[in-house]
Amino acid sequence: MLRASRESKNTSNTQLDESDLPRSERPTIIGRGRKFAGYDKKGKLLILGYDKRIVQEYAYAQAKIRLER
């Protein structure tokens, strides 16, 4: 028997943090049940939705816009 076939392979796709926002300015994404919410650093709700990826992208975009002001 081949031993290599029983060994697990690391197939995870680790992604580096590609956000151009500083860590202190990043929004917080919280999931509860099927809903996800994005809050800014002051605790203000930015977006509420069912798709985590969409909530995350929108919250990052809003935080970036607010940071530039």
N, C-alpha and C. Protein backbone atom coordinates (compact mmCIF):
# COMPACT_ATOMS: atom_id res chain seq x y z
N MET A 1 0.82 -1.18 0.00
CA MET A 1 0.00 0.00 0.00
C MET A 1 0.87 1.25 0.00
N LEU A 2 0.36 2.25 -0.65
CA LEU A 2 1.10 3.50 -0.69
C LEU A 2 0.81 4.33 0.55
N ARG A 3 1.85 4.75 1.19
CA ARG A 3 1.68 5.56 2.39
C ARG A 3 1.26 6.99 2.03
N ALA A 4 1.70 7.46 0.91
CA ALA A 4 1.42 8.84 0.52
C ALA A 4 -0.07 9.08 0.31
N SER A 5 -0.80 8.08 -0.07
CA SER A 5 -2.22 8.28 -0.33
C SER A 5 -3.00 8.53 0.96
N ARG A 6 -2.47 8.12 2.11
CA ARG A 6 -3.15 8.32 3.38
C ARG A 6 -2.77 9.64 4.03
N GLU A 7 -1.71 10.24 3.60
CA GLU A 7 -1.29 11.50 4.20
C GLU A 7 -2.17 12.65 3.69
N SER A 8 -2.48 13.53 4.58
CA SER A 8 -3.30 14.66 4.16
C SER A 8 -2.44 15.67 3.43
N LYS A 9 -3.06 16.32 2.51
CA LYS A 9 -2.36 17.34 1.73
C LYS A 9 -2.92 18.70 2.13
N ASN A 10 -2.04 19.66 2.19
CA ASN A 10 -2.47 21.01 2.52
C ASN A 10 -2.94 21.68 1.23
N THR A 11 -4.24 21.71 1.03
CA THR A 11 -4.80 22.31 -0.18
C THR A 11 -5.48 23.64 0.12
N SER A 12 -5.27 24.16 1.31
CA SER A 12 -5.94 25.42 1.66
C SER A 12 -5.36 26.57 0.84
N ASN A 13 -6.22 27.47 0.49
CA ASN A 13 -5.82 28.63 -0.29
C ASN A 13 -5.75 29.81 0.67
N THR A 14 -4.61 29.98 1.28
CA THR A 14 -4.47 31.08 2.23
C THR A 14 -4.30 32.38 1.47
N GLN A 15 -5.12 33.33 1.82
CA GLN A 15 -5.05 34.62 1.16
C GLN A 15 -4.47 35.64 2.12
N LEU A 16 -3.58 36.43 1.62
CA LEU A 16 -3.02 37.49 2.44
C LEU A 16 -4.04 38.60 2.59
N ASP A 17 -3.91 39.35 3.62
CA ASP A 17 -4.80 40.47 3.85
C ASP A 17 -4.51 41.53 2.80
N GLU A 18 -5.43 41.70 1.87
CA GLU A 18 -5.21 42.63 0.77
C GLU A 18 -5.89 43.97 1.01
N SER A 19 -6.42 44.16 2.19
CA SER A 19 -7.10 45.40 2.48
C SER A 19 -6.10 46.55 2.59
N ASP A 20 -6.45 47.68 2.01
CA ASP A 20 -5.55 48.83 2.08
C ASP A 20 -5.93 49.75 3.24
N LEU A 21 -6.84 49.29 4.10
CA LEU A 21 -7.21 50.07 5.28
C LEU A 21 -6.33 49.67 6.45
N PRO A 22 -5.95 50.62 7.27
CA PRO A 22 -5.22 50.26 8.49
C PRO A 22 -6.11 49.43 9.40
N ARG A 23 -5.50 48.60 10.21
CA ARG A 23 -6.26 47.70 11.08
C ARG A 23 -7.22 48.46 11.99
N SER A 24 -6.82 49.61 12.45
CA SER A 24 -7.68 50.38 13.36
C SER A 24 -8.91 50.96 12.67
N GLU A 25 -8.87 51.07 11.35
CA GLU A 25 -9.98 51.66 10.60
C GLU A 25 -10.88 50.63 9.95
N ARG A 26 -10.55 49.35 10.04
CA ARG A 26 -11.34 48.31 9.38
C ARG A 26 -12.68 48.12 10.07
N PRO A 27 -13.72 47.88 9.29
CA PRO A 27 -15.03 47.61 9.89
C PRO A 27 -15.07 46.23 10.53
N THR A 28 -15.97 46.06 11.47
CA THR A 28 -16.16 44.79 12.14
C THR A 28 -17.35 44.09 11.51
N ILE A 29 -17.17 42.82 11.11
CA ILE A 29 -18.24 42.03 10.52
C ILE A 29 -18.69 41.01 11.56
N ILE A 30 -19.97 41.03 11.88
CA ILE A 30 -20.52 40.13 12.88
C ILE A 30 -21.63 39.31 12.24
N GLY A 31 -21.56 38.00 12.45
CA GLY A 31 -22.60 37.13 11.93
C GLY A 31 -23.46 36.60 13.05
N ARG A 32 -24.76 36.61 12.83
CA ARG A 32 -25.68 36.07 13.82
C ARG A 32 -26.78 35.33 13.06
N GLY A 33 -26.73 34.00 13.17
CA GLY A 33 -27.68 33.20 12.39
C GLY A 33 -27.32 33.30 10.92
N ARG A 34 -28.29 33.70 10.12
CA ARG A 34 -28.04 33.84 8.68
C ARG A 34 -27.71 35.27 8.28
N LYS A 35 -27.78 36.20 9.22
CA LYS A 35 -27.55 37.61 8.90
C LYS A 35 -26.14 38.03 9.29
N PHE A 36 -25.61 38.97 8.53
CA PHE A 36 -24.30 39.55 8.80
C PHE A 36 -24.45 41.06 8.86
N ALA A 37 -23.68 41.68 9.75
CA ALA A 37 -23.73 43.13 9.90
C ALA A 37 -22.31 43.67 9.88
N GLY A 38 -22.15 44.83 9.28
CA GLY A 38 -20.86 45.50 9.24
C GLY A 38 -20.95 46.80 10.01
N TYR A 39 -20.06 46.99 10.98
CA TYR A 39 -20.03 48.19 11.82
C TYR A 39 -18.71 48.91 11.63
N ASP A 40 -18.73 50.23 11.68
CA ASP A 40 -17.48 50.98 11.63
C ASP A 40 -16.84 51.00 13.01
N LYS A 41 -15.71 51.68 13.14
CA LYS A 41 -14.97 51.66 14.41
C LYS A 41 -15.71 52.37 15.54
N LYS A 42 -16.65 53.23 15.20
CA LYS A 42 -17.43 53.93 16.22
C LYS A 42 -18.68 53.16 16.63
N GLY A 43 -18.94 52.03 15.96
CA GLY A 43 -20.10 51.21 16.28
C GLY A 43 -21.33 51.52 15.46
N LYS A 44 -21.19 52.35 14.44
CA LYS A 44 -22.32 52.69 13.59
C LYS A 44 -22.52 51.59 12.55
N LEU A 45 -23.78 51.18 12.37
CA LEU A 45 -24.10 50.13 11.41
C LEU A 45 -23.89 50.64 9.99
N LEU A 46 -23.10 49.92 9.21
CA LEU A 46 -22.85 50.28 7.82
C LEU A 46 -23.77 49.51 6.89
N ILE A 47 -23.94 48.21 7.12
CA ILE A 47 -24.75 47.38 6.24
C ILE A 47 -25.22 46.15 7.00
N LEU A 48 -26.39 45.67 6.61
CA LEU A 48 -26.96 44.46 7.17
C LEU A 48 -27.40 43.60 6.00
N GLY A 49 -27.01 42.33 5.97
CA GLY A 49 -27.38 41.48 4.84
C GLY A 49 -27.19 40.01 5.12
N TYR A 50 -27.49 39.19 4.10
CA TYR A 50 -27.42 37.74 4.23
C TYR A 50 -26.18 37.12 3.62
N ASP A 51 -25.47 37.85 2.79
CA ASP A 51 -24.27 37.32 2.14
C ASP A 51 -23.03 37.98 2.76
N LYS A 52 -22.21 37.18 3.41
CA LYS A 52 -21.07 37.73 4.16
C LYS A 52 -20.09 38.44 3.24
N ARG A 53 -19.84 37.89 2.07
CA ARG A 53 -18.88 38.49 1.15
C ARG A 53 -19.35 39.88 0.71
N ILE A 54 -20.62 40.00 0.40
CA ILE A 54 -21.16 41.30 -0.04
C ILE A 54 -21.12 42.30 1.10
N VAL A 55 -21.49 41.87 2.30
CA VAL A 55 -21.45 42.75 3.47
C VAL A 55 -20.03 43.22 3.72
N GLN A 56 -19.07 42.31 3.62
CA GLN A 56 -17.67 42.65 3.86
C GLN A 56 -17.16 43.65 2.83
N GLU A 57 -17.42 43.40 1.56
CA GLU A 57 -16.95 44.30 0.51
C GLU A 57 -17.55 45.70 0.65
N TYR A 58 -18.85 45.77 0.92
CA TYR A 58 -19.51 47.07 1.06
C TYR A 58 -18.99 47.82 2.29
N ALA A 59 -18.83 47.11 3.39
CA ALA A 59 -18.35 47.75 4.62
C ALA A 59 -16.93 48.28 4.43
N TYR A 60 -16.06 47.52 3.76
CA TYR A 60 -14.70 47.99 3.50
C TYR A 60 -14.71 49.21 2.58
N ALA A 61 -15.58 49.19 1.57
CA ALA A 61 -15.66 50.33 0.66
C ALA A 61 -16.14 51.59 1.40
N GLN A 62 -17.15 51.43 2.25
CA GLN A 62 -17.65 52.58 3.01
C GLN A 62 -16.61 53.10 3.99
N ALA A 63 -15.90 52.20 4.64
CA ALA A 63 -14.86 52.63 5.58
C ALA A 63 -13.75 53.37 4.85
N LYS A 64 -13.43 52.92 3.64
CA LYS A 64 -12.39 53.58 2.85
C LYS A 64 -12.84 54.98 2.44
N ILE A 65 -14.10 55.10 2.03
CA ILE A 65 -14.64 56.41 1.65
C ILE A 65 -14.64 57.36 2.84
N ARG A 66 -15.08 56.87 3.99
CA ARG A 66 -15.14 57.72 5.20
C ARG A 66 -13.77 58.10 5.70
N LEU A 67 -12.77 57.24 5.46
CA LEU A 67 -11.41 57.53 5.89
C LEU A 67 -10.80 58.65 5.05
N GLU A 68 -11.18 58.72 3.76
CA GLU A 68 -10.62 59.73 2.86
C GLU A 68 -11.17 61.13 3.15
N ARG A 69 -12.32 61.24 3.78
CA ARG A 69 -12.92 62.54 4.06
C ARG A 69 -12.15 63.33 5.06
